[in-house]
Amino acid sequence: MGYESENRSKIQALADLVRNGIGDVVAFIDPANEETIAACLILFGKGEANMVLNLVDSHWRESGLPAWMVTETIKAAQEKGMRTFDFNGANSPNRGDDKHSYGAEPVLFFEVHYFE
């Protein structure tokens, strides 16, 4: 299975979870041509929403749309009763800056113990 095909099947699996009520998609459609230019996919746990995909067309990245999409996705999660929003990647030095501007904090999410 090629890289593109593998990614397509993974995205399809995520979309299936949304169809089964385990998540949601927030999307923005370009009013000029009615094409989807941005989408955030979140999955729900016990009171927690996890942002799994955050996609914005490259032509719109400097427009403020990415920030608006995250804000709208947080609101959508709140409307579904989620009390926590996990940005998934806020601990990453090269991907965390934007997430921290929404209040995300780097938090250790696992510990490794070595036993001899």
N, C-alpha and C. Protein backbone atom coordinates (compact mmCIF):
# COMPACT_ATOMS: atom_id res chain seq x y z
N MET A 1 0.84 -1.16 0.00
CA MET A 1 0.00 0.00 0.00
C MET A 1 0.90 1.24 0.00
N GLY A 2 0.66 2.16 -0.92
CA GLY A 2 1.46 3.37 -1.02
C GLY A 2 1.12 4.36 0.08
N TYR A 3 2.01 5.35 0.25
CA TYR A 3 1.87 6.36 1.30
C TYR A 3 0.54 7.10 1.17
N GLU A 4 0.21 7.56 -0.03
CA GLU A 4 -1.03 8.31 -0.24
C GLU A 4 -2.24 7.43 0.03
N SER A 5 -2.22 6.21 -0.44
CA SER A 5 -3.32 5.29 -0.21
C SER A 5 -3.48 4.97 1.27
N GLU A 6 -2.35 4.82 1.97
CA GLU A 6 -2.39 4.53 3.40
C GLU A 6 -3.00 5.71 4.17
N ASN A 7 -2.59 6.92 3.82
CA ASN A 7 -3.16 8.11 4.46
C ASN A 7 -4.64 8.24 4.17
N ARG A 8 -5.03 7.96 2.95
CA ARG A 8 -6.44 8.04 2.58
C ARG A 8 -7.27 7.07 3.42
N SER A 9 -6.76 5.85 3.64
CA SER A 9 -7.51 4.88 4.42
C SER A 9 -7.58 5.30 5.89
N LYS A 10 -6.53 5.94 6.40
CA LYS A 10 -6.55 6.42 7.78
C LYS A 10 -7.57 7.55 7.94
N ILE A 11 -7.60 8.45 6.99
CA ILE A 11 -8.58 9.54 7.04
C ILE A 11 -9.99 8.99 6.92
N GLN A 12 -10.17 7.99 6.08
CA GLN A 12 -11.47 7.35 5.94
C GLN A 12 -11.91 6.72 7.27
N ALA A 13 -10.98 6.09 7.97
CA ALA A 13 -11.29 5.48 9.26
C ALA A 13 -11.72 6.55 10.27
N LEU A 14 -11.05 7.71 10.25
CA LEU A 14 -11.44 8.80 11.13
C LEU A 14 -12.83 9.32 10.77
N ALA A 15 -13.11 9.46 9.48
CA ALA A 15 -14.44 9.90 9.03
C ALA A 15 -15.51 8.91 9.46
N ASP A 16 -15.19 7.63 9.44
CA ASP A 16 -16.15 6.61 9.90
C ASP A 16 -16.47 6.79 11.38
N LEU A 17 -15.47 7.15 12.18
CA LEU A 17 -15.73 7.40 13.60
C LEU A 17 -16.68 8.57 13.78
N VAL A 18 -16.51 9.62 12.97
CA VAL A 18 -17.41 10.77 13.03
C VAL A 18 -18.82 10.33 12.64
N ARG A 19 -18.94 9.54 11.58
CA ARG A 19 -20.26 9.06 11.15
C ARG A 19 -20.94 8.23 12.24
N ASN A 20 -20.14 7.56 13.06
CA ASN A 20 -20.69 6.74 14.15
C ASN A 20 -20.92 7.54 15.43
N GLY A 21 -20.77 8.86 15.35
CA GLY A 21 -21.07 9.72 16.48
C GLY A 21 -19.96 9.88 17.49
N ILE A 22 -18.75 9.44 17.17
CA ILE A 22 -17.64 9.51 18.11
C ILE A 22 -16.82 10.78 17.89
N GLY A 23 -17.23 11.60 16.95
CA GLY A 23 -16.49 12.83 16.68
C GLY A 23 -17.33 13.79 15.87
N ASP A 24 -16.67 14.82 15.39
CA ASP A 24 -17.35 15.85 14.62
C ASP A 24 -16.34 16.49 13.66
N VAL A 25 -16.85 17.11 12.63
CA VAL A 25 -16.03 17.86 11.69
C VAL A 25 -16.59 19.28 11.61
N VAL A 26 -15.70 20.24 11.74
CA VAL A 26 -16.05 21.64 11.53
C VAL A 26 -15.35 22.03 10.23
N ALA A 27 -16.11 22.55 9.27
CA ALA A 27 -15.54 22.87 7.97
C ALA A 27 -15.92 24.28 7.54
N PHE A 28 -15.09 24.86 6.68
CA PHE A 28 -15.37 26.17 6.10
C PHE A 28 -15.37 26.04 4.59
N ILE A 29 -16.41 26.58 3.97
CA ILE A 29 -16.56 26.50 2.51
C ILE A 29 -16.31 27.89 1.92
N ASP A 30 -15.47 27.93 0.90
CA ASP A 30 -15.18 29.19 0.20
C ASP A 30 -16.46 29.67 -0.46
N PRO A 31 -16.96 30.85 -0.07
CA PRO A 31 -18.22 31.32 -0.67
C PRO A 31 -18.11 31.61 -2.16
N ALA A 32 -16.90 31.83 -2.66
CA ALA A 32 -16.73 32.15 -4.08
C ALA A 32 -16.95 30.94 -4.98
N ASN A 33 -16.50 29.76 -4.53
CA ASN A 33 -16.61 28.58 -5.40
C ASN A 33 -17.22 27.35 -4.71
N GLU A 34 -17.64 27.53 -3.46
CA GLU A 34 -18.29 26.48 -2.68
C GLU A 34 -17.42 25.23 -2.48
N GLU A 35 -16.11 25.42 -2.46
CA GLU A 35 -15.18 24.32 -2.16
C GLU A 35 -14.80 24.37 -0.69
N THR A 36 -14.62 23.20 -0.10
CA THR A 36 -14.15 23.14 1.28
C THR A 36 -12.68 23.55 1.31
N ILE A 37 -12.37 24.57 2.11
CA ILE A 37 -10.99 25.05 2.15
C ILE A 37 -10.35 24.84 3.53
N ALA A 38 -11.16 24.43 4.50
CA ALA A 38 -10.62 24.17 5.83
C ALA A 38 -11.51 23.18 6.55
N ALA A 39 -10.90 22.33 7.36
CA ALA A 39 -11.67 21.37 8.15
C ALA A 39 -10.87 20.96 9.38
N CYS A 40 -11.57 20.83 10.49
CA CYS A 40 -10.99 20.29 11.72
C CYS A 40 -11.81 19.06 12.09
N LEU A 41 -11.13 17.98 12.38
CA LEU A 41 -11.80 16.76 12.81
C LEU A 41 -11.44 16.53 14.27
N ILE A 42 -12.47 16.39 15.10
CA ILE A 42 -12.25 16.11 16.52
C ILE A 42 -12.92 14.79 16.87
N LEU A 43 -12.32 14.09 17.80
CA LEU A 43 -12.88 12.86 18.33
C LEU A 43 -13.19 13.07 19.80
N PHE A 44 -14.27 12.43 20.28
CA PHE A 44 -14.73 12.61 21.64
C PHE A 44 -14.37 11.43 22.52
N GLY A 45 -13.97 11.75 23.74
CA GLY A 45 -13.77 10.76 24.79
C GLY A 45 -14.70 11.12 25.93
N LYS A 46 -14.39 10.72 27.11
CA LYS A 46 -15.21 11.04 28.28
C LYS A 46 -15.01 12.50 28.66
N GLY A 47 -15.86 13.37 28.13
CA GLY A 47 -15.78 14.78 28.44
C GLY A 47 -14.63 15.51 27.78
N GLU A 48 -13.97 14.87 26.82
CA GLU A 48 -12.79 15.44 26.19
C GLU A 48 -12.88 15.35 24.67
N ALA A 49 -12.52 16.45 24.02
CA ALA A 49 -12.42 16.47 22.56
C ALA A 49 -10.95 16.49 22.18
N ASN A 50 -10.59 15.68 21.21
CA ASN A 50 -9.20 15.63 20.72
C ASN A 50 -9.17 16.10 19.27
N MET A 51 -8.42 17.18 19.00
CA MET A 51 -8.29 17.67 17.64
C MET A 51 -7.29 16.76 16.91
N VAL A 52 -7.81 15.97 16.01
CA VAL A 52 -7.00 14.97 15.32
C VAL A 52 -6.47 15.51 13.99
N LEU A 53 -7.30 16.22 13.26
CA LEU A 53 -6.89 16.83 11.99
C LEU A 53 -7.26 18.31 12.00
N ASN A 54 -6.37 19.13 11.49
CA ASN A 54 -6.62 20.55 11.34
C ASN A 54 -6.05 20.94 9.99
N LEU A 55 -6.90 21.03 8.99
CA LEU A 55 -6.45 21.23 7.61
C LEU A 55 -6.96 22.56 7.06
N VAL A 56 -6.07 23.33 6.46
CA VAL A 56 -6.45 24.59 5.82
C VAL A 56 -5.71 24.69 4.49
N ASP A 57 -6.43 25.03 3.43
CA ASP A 57 -5.83 25.21 2.12
C ASP A 57 -4.68 26.21 2.22
N SER A 58 -3.58 25.90 1.56
CA SER A 58 -2.37 26.73 1.68
C SER A 58 -2.60 28.19 1.26
N HIS A 59 -3.53 28.45 0.37
CA HIS A 59 -3.80 29.82 -0.07
C HIS A 59 -4.48 30.65 1.02
N TRP A 60 -5.02 30.00 2.03
CA TRP A 60 -5.76 30.69 3.08
C TRP A 60 -5.01 30.73 4.42
N ARG A 61 -3.80 30.21 4.48
CA ARG A 61 -3.10 30.08 5.76
C ARG A 61 -2.77 31.42 6.41
N GLU A 62 -2.55 32.45 5.64
CA GLU A 62 -2.20 33.76 6.20
C GLU A 62 -3.41 34.65 6.39
N SER A 63 -4.62 34.12 6.20
CA SER A 63 -5.83 34.93 6.23
C SER A 63 -6.47 35.06 7.60
N GLY A 64 -6.01 34.31 8.57
CA GLY A 64 -6.68 34.27 9.88
C GLY A 64 -7.65 33.11 9.98
N LEU A 65 -7.89 32.44 8.86
CA LEU A 65 -8.82 31.31 8.86
C LEU A 65 -8.37 30.17 9.80
N PRO A 66 -7.07 29.84 9.85
CA PRO A 66 -6.68 28.76 10.76
C PRO A 66 -7.08 29.04 12.22
N ALA A 67 -6.85 30.26 12.70
CA ALA A 67 -7.21 30.61 14.07
C ALA A 67 -8.72 30.58 14.26
N TRP A 68 -9.46 31.07 13.28
CA TRP A 68 -10.92 31.06 13.36
C TRP A 68 -11.44 29.63 13.41
N MET A 69 -10.84 28.75 12.63
CA MET A 69 -11.26 27.34 12.61
C MET A 69 -11.05 26.68 13.98
N VAL A 70 -9.90 26.93 14.60
CA VAL A 70 -9.65 26.35 15.92
C VAL A 70 -10.67 26.87 16.92
N THR A 71 -10.93 28.18 16.89
CA THR A 71 -11.91 28.76 17.80
C THR A 71 -13.29 28.14 17.60
N GLU A 72 -13.71 28.00 16.36
CA GLU A 72 -15.01 27.40 16.07
C GLU A 72 -15.07 25.93 16.48
N THR A 73 -13.94 25.24 16.36
CA THR A 73 -13.89 23.83 16.74
C THR A 73 -13.99 23.69 18.25
N ILE A 74 -13.34 24.59 18.99
CA ILE A 74 -13.46 24.59 20.45
C ILE A 74 -14.92 24.83 20.84
N LYS A 75 -15.57 25.79 20.20
CA LYS A 75 -16.98 26.07 20.48
C LYS A 75 -17.86 24.85 20.18
N ALA A 76 -17.60 24.17 19.07
CA ALA A 76 -18.37 22.98 18.71
C ALA A 76 -18.21 21.89 19.77
N ALA A 77 -17.00 21.74 20.28
CA ALA A 77 -16.74 20.74 21.33
C ALA A 77 -17.50 21.11 22.61
N GLN A 78 -17.51 22.38 22.95
CA GLN A 78 -18.25 22.83 24.13
C GLN A 78 -19.74 22.56 23.97
N GLU A 79 -20.27 22.81 22.78
CA GLU A 79 -21.69 22.57 22.52
C GLU A 79 -22.05 21.08 22.66
N LYS A 80 -21.08 20.21 22.45
CA LYS A 80 -21.29 18.76 22.60
C LYS A 80 -21.09 18.32 24.05
N GLY A 81 -20.79 19.27 24.94
CA GLY A 81 -20.62 18.94 26.35
C GLY A 81 -19.21 18.58 26.76
N MET A 82 -18.24 18.78 25.89
CA MET A 82 -16.86 18.46 26.23
C MET A 82 -16.29 19.53 27.16
N ARG A 83 -15.65 19.10 28.22
CA ARG A 83 -15.07 20.03 29.20
C ARG A 83 -13.58 20.26 28.96
N THR A 84 -12.94 19.37 28.21
CA THR A 84 -11.51 19.48 27.93
C THR A 84 -11.31 19.43 26.42
N PHE A 85 -10.38 20.24 25.93
CA PHE A 85 -10.04 20.24 24.51
C PHE A 85 -8.55 19.96 24.40
N ASP A 86 -8.20 18.81 23.82
CA ASP A 86 -6.81 18.41 23.67
C ASP A 86 -6.34 18.79 22.27
N PHE A 87 -5.32 19.65 22.21
CA PHE A 87 -4.81 20.11 20.92
C PHE A 87 -3.94 19.08 20.22
N ASN A 88 -3.56 18.01 20.92
CA ASN A 88 -2.72 16.96 20.33
C ASN A 88 -1.53 17.54 19.58
N GLY A 89 -0.50 17.83 20.28
CA GLY A 89 0.71 18.38 19.68
C GLY A 89 1.17 19.64 20.37
N ALA A 90 0.51 20.04 21.45
CA ALA A 90 0.91 21.25 22.16
C ALA A 90 2.27 21.09 22.82
N ASN A 91 2.72 19.86 23.00
CA ASN A 91 4.03 19.63 23.58
C ASN A 91 5.15 19.73 22.54
N SER A 92 4.79 19.79 21.27
CA SER A 92 5.78 19.81 20.21
C SER A 92 6.38 21.21 20.06
N PRO A 93 7.70 21.34 20.15
CA PRO A 93 8.32 22.67 20.03
C PRO A 93 8.03 23.35 18.69
N ASN A 94 7.92 22.60 17.62
CA ASN A 94 7.72 23.23 16.31
C ASN A 94 6.25 23.29 15.91
N ARG A 95 5.32 22.79 16.74
CA ARG A 95 3.90 22.88 16.42
C ARG A 95 3.08 23.43 17.57
N GLY A 96 3.71 23.73 18.70
CA GLY A 96 2.96 24.09 19.89
C GLY A 96 2.67 25.57 20.07
N ASP A 97 3.42 26.45 19.43
CA ASP A 97 3.25 27.89 19.67
C ASP A 97 1.82 28.35 19.44
N ASP A 98 1.25 27.99 18.31
CA ASP A 98 -0.11 28.42 18.01
C ASP A 98 -1.09 27.87 19.04
N LYS A 99 -0.91 26.62 19.42
CA LYS A 99 -1.81 25.98 20.37
C LYS A 99 -1.73 26.65 21.73
N HIS A 100 -0.56 27.12 22.11
CA HIS A 100 -0.41 27.80 23.39
C HIS A 100 -1.15 29.13 23.39
N SER A 101 -1.33 29.74 22.23
CA SER A 101 -2.04 31.01 22.18
C SER A 101 -3.52 30.86 22.53
N TYR A 102 -4.03 29.62 22.52
CA TYR A 102 -5.41 29.34 22.93
C TYR A 102 -5.48 28.89 24.38
N GLY A 103 -4.35 28.86 25.06
CA GLY A 103 -4.33 28.46 26.46
C GLY A 103 -3.82 27.06 26.71
N ALA A 104 -3.43 26.34 25.66
CA ALA A 104 -2.88 25.00 25.85
C ALA A 104 -1.56 25.09 26.59
N GLU A 105 -1.30 24.10 27.41
CA GLU A 105 -0.05 24.05 28.14
C GLU A 105 0.64 22.73 27.88
N PRO A 106 1.98 22.72 27.81
CA PRO A 106 2.67 21.45 27.66
C PRO A 106 2.51 20.64 28.94
N VAL A 107 2.04 19.41 28.80
CA VAL A 107 1.79 18.54 29.94
C VAL A 107 2.32 17.15 29.62
N LEU A 108 3.02 16.57 30.57
CA LEU A 108 3.49 15.20 30.40
C LEU A 108 2.28 14.27 30.35
N PHE A 109 2.15 13.52 29.30
CA PHE A 109 0.98 12.66 29.16
C PHE A 109 1.30 11.18 29.32
N PHE A 110 2.53 10.85 29.58
CA PHE A 110 2.88 9.46 29.90
C PHE A 110 4.20 9.45 30.65
N GLU A 111 4.41 8.39 31.36
CA GLU A 111 5.67 8.20 32.07
C GLU A 111 6.20 6.83 31.71
N VAL A 112 7.51 6.73 31.64
CA VAL A 112 8.16 5.46 31.36
C VAL A 112 8.99 5.09 32.58
N HIS A 113 8.79 3.89 33.09
CA HIS A 113 9.55 3.39 34.24
C HIS A 113 10.35 2.18 33.80
N TYR A 114 11.61 2.17 34.12
CA TYR A 114 12.47 1.03 33.82
C TYR A 114 12.67 0.22 35.09
N PHE A 115 12.49 -1.06 34.97
CA PHE A 115 12.68 -1.96 36.11
C PHE A 115 13.86 -2.86 35.83
N GLU A 116 14.67 -3.08 36.82
CA GLU A 116 15.82 -3.95 36.66
C GLU A 116 15.56 -5.26 37.36
